Amino acid sequence: MLPQSRSTVSEVTSVYSSDSWKRIATDPDPVRDLGYDLAEWESHRVTYRDGDRFVFVPVDEDAFDREAYIVATEDAMCDTLERR
């Protein structure tokens, strides 16, 4: 799952002053501490001559934005649970 922010940058900046950031846990909970909504994403492997790419898009078609997706090479990906 990837987080989707509910807040704009200016809203986050005003809510999280320098002192507020210091009080947030080193490993904050994305939903409770940072205000994210979790969304299901799926990956699609796309093959090119110079190597494969993975395209990540939201599972929920209503959340899909033609300009908001992720393209990554296999080298750029990792299992975040193993790299904490």
N, C-alpha and C. Protein backbone atom coordinates (compact mmCIF):
# COMPACT_ATOMS: atom_id res chain seq x y z
N MET A 1 0.84 -1.17 0.00
CA MET A 1 0.00 0.00 0.00
C MET A 1 0.88 1.24 0.00
N LEU A 2 0.44 2.24 -0.71
CA LEU A 2 1.14 3.52 -0.73
C LEU A 2 0.24 4.58 -0.12
N PRO A 3 0.83 5.54 0.60
CA PRO A 3 0.00 6.56 1.22
C PRO A 3 -0.47 7.60 0.22
N GLN A 4 -1.67 8.11 0.44
CA GLN A 4 -2.18 9.25 -0.29
C GLN A 4 -2.38 10.34 0.73
N SER A 5 -1.82 11.49 0.50
CA SER A 5 -1.94 12.57 1.46
C SER A 5 -3.31 13.21 1.37
N ARG A 6 -3.88 13.52 2.53
CA ARG A 6 -5.16 14.24 2.59
C ARG A 6 -4.93 15.73 2.67
N SER A 7 -3.71 16.15 2.93
CA SER A 7 -3.42 17.55 3.20
C SER A 7 -2.58 18.17 2.11
N THR A 8 -2.73 19.49 1.97
CA THR A 8 -1.87 20.21 1.05
C THR A 8 -0.58 20.54 1.78
N VAL A 9 0.44 20.93 1.04
CA VAL A 9 1.74 21.26 1.65
C VAL A 9 1.58 22.40 2.64
N SER A 10 0.81 23.42 2.30
CA SER A 10 0.66 24.55 3.22
C SER A 10 -0.06 24.14 4.50
N GLU A 11 -1.03 23.22 4.39
CA GLU A 11 -1.72 22.74 5.58
C GLU A 11 -0.77 21.96 6.47
N VAL A 12 0.05 21.11 5.87
CA VAL A 12 1.01 20.32 6.64
C VAL A 12 2.03 21.23 7.30
N THR A 13 2.51 22.22 6.57
CA THR A 13 3.51 23.14 7.11
C THR A 13 2.96 23.88 8.31
N SER A 14 1.71 24.34 8.23
CA SER A 14 1.15 25.09 9.35
C SER A 14 0.87 24.19 10.54
N VAL A 15 0.47 22.95 10.31
CA VAL A 15 0.18 22.03 11.40
C VAL A 15 1.45 21.55 12.07
N TYR A 16 2.48 21.29 11.28
CA TYR A 16 3.73 20.75 11.82
C TYR A 16 4.80 21.83 11.86
N SER A 17 4.81 22.60 12.93
CA SER A 17 5.86 23.58 13.13
C SER A 17 7.14 22.83 13.50
N SER A 18 8.21 23.55 13.63
CA SER A 18 9.49 22.94 13.99
C SER A 18 9.37 22.14 15.30
N ASP A 19 8.68 22.71 16.27
CA ASP A 19 8.51 22.01 17.55
C ASP A 19 7.65 20.76 17.39
N SER A 20 6.62 20.85 16.54
CA SER A 20 5.76 19.68 16.32
C SER A 20 6.54 18.54 15.69
N TRP A 21 7.39 18.88 14.71
CA TRP A 21 8.19 17.83 14.06
C TRP A 21 9.10 17.14 15.05
N LYS A 22 9.62 17.87 16.02
CA LYS A 22 10.51 17.28 17.01
C LYS A 22 9.77 16.28 17.90
N ARG A 23 8.46 16.46 18.08
CA ARG A 23 7.68 15.57 18.93
C ARG A 23 7.17 14.33 18.19
N ILE A 24 7.24 14.32 16.86
CA ILE A 24 6.78 13.16 16.10
C ILE A 24 7.79 12.03 16.25
N ALA A 25 7.29 10.82 16.37
CA ALA A 25 8.15 9.65 16.55
C ALA A 25 9.12 9.49 15.38
N THR A 26 10.26 8.87 15.65
CA THR A 26 11.26 8.61 14.61
C THR A 26 10.68 7.75 13.50
N ASP A 27 9.81 6.83 13.85
CA ASP A 27 9.14 5.96 12.88
C ASP A 27 7.64 6.21 13.00
N PRO A 28 7.15 7.35 12.47
CA PRO A 28 5.75 7.72 12.69
C PRO A 28 4.76 6.80 11.98
N ASP A 29 3.59 6.69 12.56
CA ASP A 29 2.50 5.96 11.92
C ASP A 29 1.96 6.86 10.81
N PRO A 30 1.95 6.36 9.56
CA PRO A 30 1.53 7.21 8.44
C PRO A 30 0.11 7.76 8.56
N VAL A 31 -0.80 6.98 9.12
CA VAL A 31 -2.19 7.42 9.22
C VAL A 31 -2.39 8.31 10.44
N ARG A 32 -2.03 7.81 11.61
CA ARG A 32 -2.28 8.53 12.85
C ARG A 32 -1.41 9.78 12.99
N ASP A 33 -0.12 9.66 12.69
CA ASP A 33 0.81 10.76 12.94
C ASP A 33 0.94 11.74 11.76
N LEU A 34 0.76 11.26 10.53
CA LEU A 34 1.03 12.11 9.37
C LEU A 34 -0.21 12.42 8.52
N GLY A 35 -1.35 11.81 8.85
CA GLY A 35 -2.58 12.13 8.16
C GLY A 35 -2.76 11.50 6.79
N TYR A 36 -2.05 10.40 6.51
CA TYR A 36 -2.20 9.73 5.22
C TYR A 36 -3.37 8.77 5.22
N ASP A 37 -3.98 8.58 4.06
CA ASP A 37 -4.95 7.51 3.82
C ASP A 37 -4.22 6.47 3.00
N LEU A 38 -4.27 5.21 3.41
CA LEU A 38 -3.60 4.16 2.64
C LEU A 38 -4.45 3.76 1.45
N ALA A 39 -3.78 3.51 0.33
CA ALA A 39 -4.48 3.11 -0.89
C ALA A 39 -3.79 1.88 -1.47
N GLU A 40 -4.59 0.99 -2.03
CA GLU A 40 -4.05 -0.19 -2.69
C GLU A 40 -3.52 0.20 -4.07
N TRP A 41 -2.30 -0.24 -4.39
CA TRP A 41 -1.70 0.00 -5.70
C TRP A 41 -1.32 -1.34 -6.29
N GLU A 42 -1.25 -1.40 -7.61
CA GLU A 42 -0.81 -2.61 -8.28
C GLU A 42 0.33 -2.26 -9.23
N SER A 43 1.16 -3.26 -9.51
CA SER A 43 2.28 -3.01 -10.43
C SER A 43 2.09 -3.79 -11.72
N HIS A 44 2.61 -3.22 -12.78
CA HIS A 44 2.58 -3.85 -14.09
C HIS A 44 4.00 -3.82 -14.65
N ARG A 45 4.50 -4.98 -15.08
CA ARG A 45 5.84 -5.05 -15.66
C ARG A 45 5.73 -4.69 -17.14
N VAL A 46 6.60 -3.76 -17.58
CA VAL A 46 6.66 -3.34 -18.98
C VAL A 46 8.07 -3.63 -19.46
N THR A 47 8.19 -4.35 -20.56
CA THR A 47 9.50 -4.76 -21.06
C THR A 47 9.98 -3.82 -22.16
N TYR A 48 11.21 -3.34 -22.00
CA TYR A 48 11.88 -2.50 -22.99
C TYR A 48 13.17 -3.19 -23.40
N ARG A 49 13.76 -2.74 -24.50
CA ARG A 49 15.04 -3.34 -24.93
C ARG A 49 16.13 -3.18 -23.89
N ASP A 50 16.13 -2.06 -23.18
CA ASP A 50 17.20 -1.82 -22.21
C ASP A 50 16.84 -2.30 -20.80
N GLY A 51 15.76 -3.02 -20.66
CA GLY A 51 15.39 -3.58 -19.35
C GLY A 51 13.94 -3.33 -19.01
N ASP A 52 13.49 -4.06 -18.00
CA ASP A 52 12.09 -3.95 -17.58
C ASP A 52 11.88 -2.72 -16.71
N ARG A 53 10.66 -2.23 -16.72
CA ARG A 53 10.21 -1.16 -15.84
C ARG A 53 8.94 -1.66 -15.17
N PHE A 54 8.67 -1.13 -14.01
CA PHE A 54 7.44 -1.44 -13.30
C PHE A 54 6.64 -0.15 -13.18
N VAL A 55 5.38 -0.22 -13.57
CA VAL A 55 4.48 0.93 -13.49
C VAL A 55 3.50 0.63 -12.36
N PHE A 56 3.42 1.53 -11.39
CA PHE A 56 2.52 1.38 -10.25
C PHE A 56 1.37 2.35 -10.40
N VAL A 57 0.15 1.82 -10.30
CA VAL A 57 -1.07 2.64 -10.41
C VAL A 57 -2.03 2.23 -9.30
N PRO A 58 -2.92 3.14 -8.88
CA PRO A 58 -3.91 2.78 -7.87
C PRO A 58 -4.87 1.71 -8.39
N VAL A 59 -5.26 0.80 -7.51
CA VAL A 59 -6.22 -0.24 -7.86
C VAL A 59 -7.59 0.40 -8.11
N ASP A 60 -7.95 1.36 -7.30
CA ASP A 60 -9.24 2.05 -7.43
C ASP A 60 -9.19 2.98 -8.63
N GLU A 61 -9.96 2.68 -9.65
CA GLU A 61 -9.95 3.48 -10.88
C GLU A 61 -10.33 4.93 -10.62
N ASP A 62 -11.16 5.18 -9.61
CA ASP A 62 -11.55 6.56 -9.29
C ASP A 62 -10.38 7.37 -8.74
N ALA A 63 -9.39 6.69 -8.17
CA ALA A 63 -8.22 7.37 -7.61
C ALA A 63 -7.12 7.56 -8.66
N PHE A 64 -7.30 6.94 -9.84
CA PHE A 64 -6.27 7.02 -10.88
C PHE A 64 -6.22 8.42 -11.47
N ASP A 65 -5.02 8.93 -11.61
CA ASP A 65 -4.76 10.23 -12.23
C ASP A 65 -3.72 9.98 -13.31
N ARG A 66 -4.01 10.36 -14.54
CA ARG A 66 -3.12 10.07 -15.67
C ARG A 66 -1.72 10.68 -15.47
N GLU A 67 -1.57 11.59 -14.55
CA GLU A 67 -0.27 12.20 -14.31
C GLU A 67 0.29 11.85 -12.95
N ALA A 68 -0.33 10.93 -12.24
CA ALA A 68 0.13 10.54 -10.91
C ALA A 68 0.28 9.03 -10.85
N TYR A 69 1.46 8.55 -11.18
CA TYR A 69 1.77 7.14 -11.12
C TYR A 69 3.28 7.03 -10.92
N ILE A 70 3.77 5.83 -10.72
CA ILE A 70 5.19 5.62 -10.47
C ILE A 70 5.75 4.67 -11.52
N VAL A 71 6.90 5.02 -12.09
CA VAL A 71 7.62 4.13 -13.00
C VAL A 71 8.99 3.90 -12.37
N ALA A 72 9.38 2.64 -12.22
CA ALA A 72 10.66 2.34 -11.57
C ALA A 72 11.32 1.13 -12.22
N THR A 73 12.65 1.14 -12.19
CA THR A 73 13.39 -0.05 -12.62
C THR A 73 13.43 -1.02 -11.44
N GLU A 74 13.75 -2.25 -11.72
CA GLU A 74 13.81 -3.25 -10.65
C GLU A 74 14.89 -2.87 -9.63
N ASP A 75 15.99 -2.26 -10.09
CA ASP A 75 17.07 -1.84 -9.18
C ASP A 75 16.60 -0.81 -8.17
N ALA A 76 15.61 -0.02 -8.52
CA ALA A 76 15.14 1.06 -7.66
C ALA A 76 14.14 0.59 -6.61
N MET A 77 13.70 -0.65 -6.69
CA MET A 77 12.68 -1.14 -5.78
C MET A 77 13.29 -1.98 -4.67
N CYS A 78 12.61 -1.98 -3.53
CA CYS A 78 13.00 -2.83 -2.41
C CYS A 78 11.77 -3.13 -1.57
N ASP A 79 11.86 -4.13 -0.75
CA ASP A 79 10.80 -4.45 0.18
C ASP A 79 11.03 -3.60 1.42
N THR A 80 10.16 -2.64 1.66
CA THR A 80 10.38 -1.71 2.78
C THR A 80 10.31 -2.38 4.14
N LEU A 81 9.63 -3.51 4.23
CA LEU A 81 9.60 -4.22 5.50
C LEU A 81 10.95 -4.84 5.82
N GLU A 82 11.75 -5.14 4.80
CA GLU A 82 13.08 -5.69 5.02
C GLU A 82 14.13 -4.61 5.21
N ARG A 83 13.83 -3.37 4.88
CA ARG A 83 14.82 -2.28 4.92
C ARG A 83 14.48 -1.23 5.95
N ARG A 84 13.85 -1.62 7.04
CA ARG A 84 13.48 -0.67 8.09
C ARG A 84 14.67 -0.28 8.90
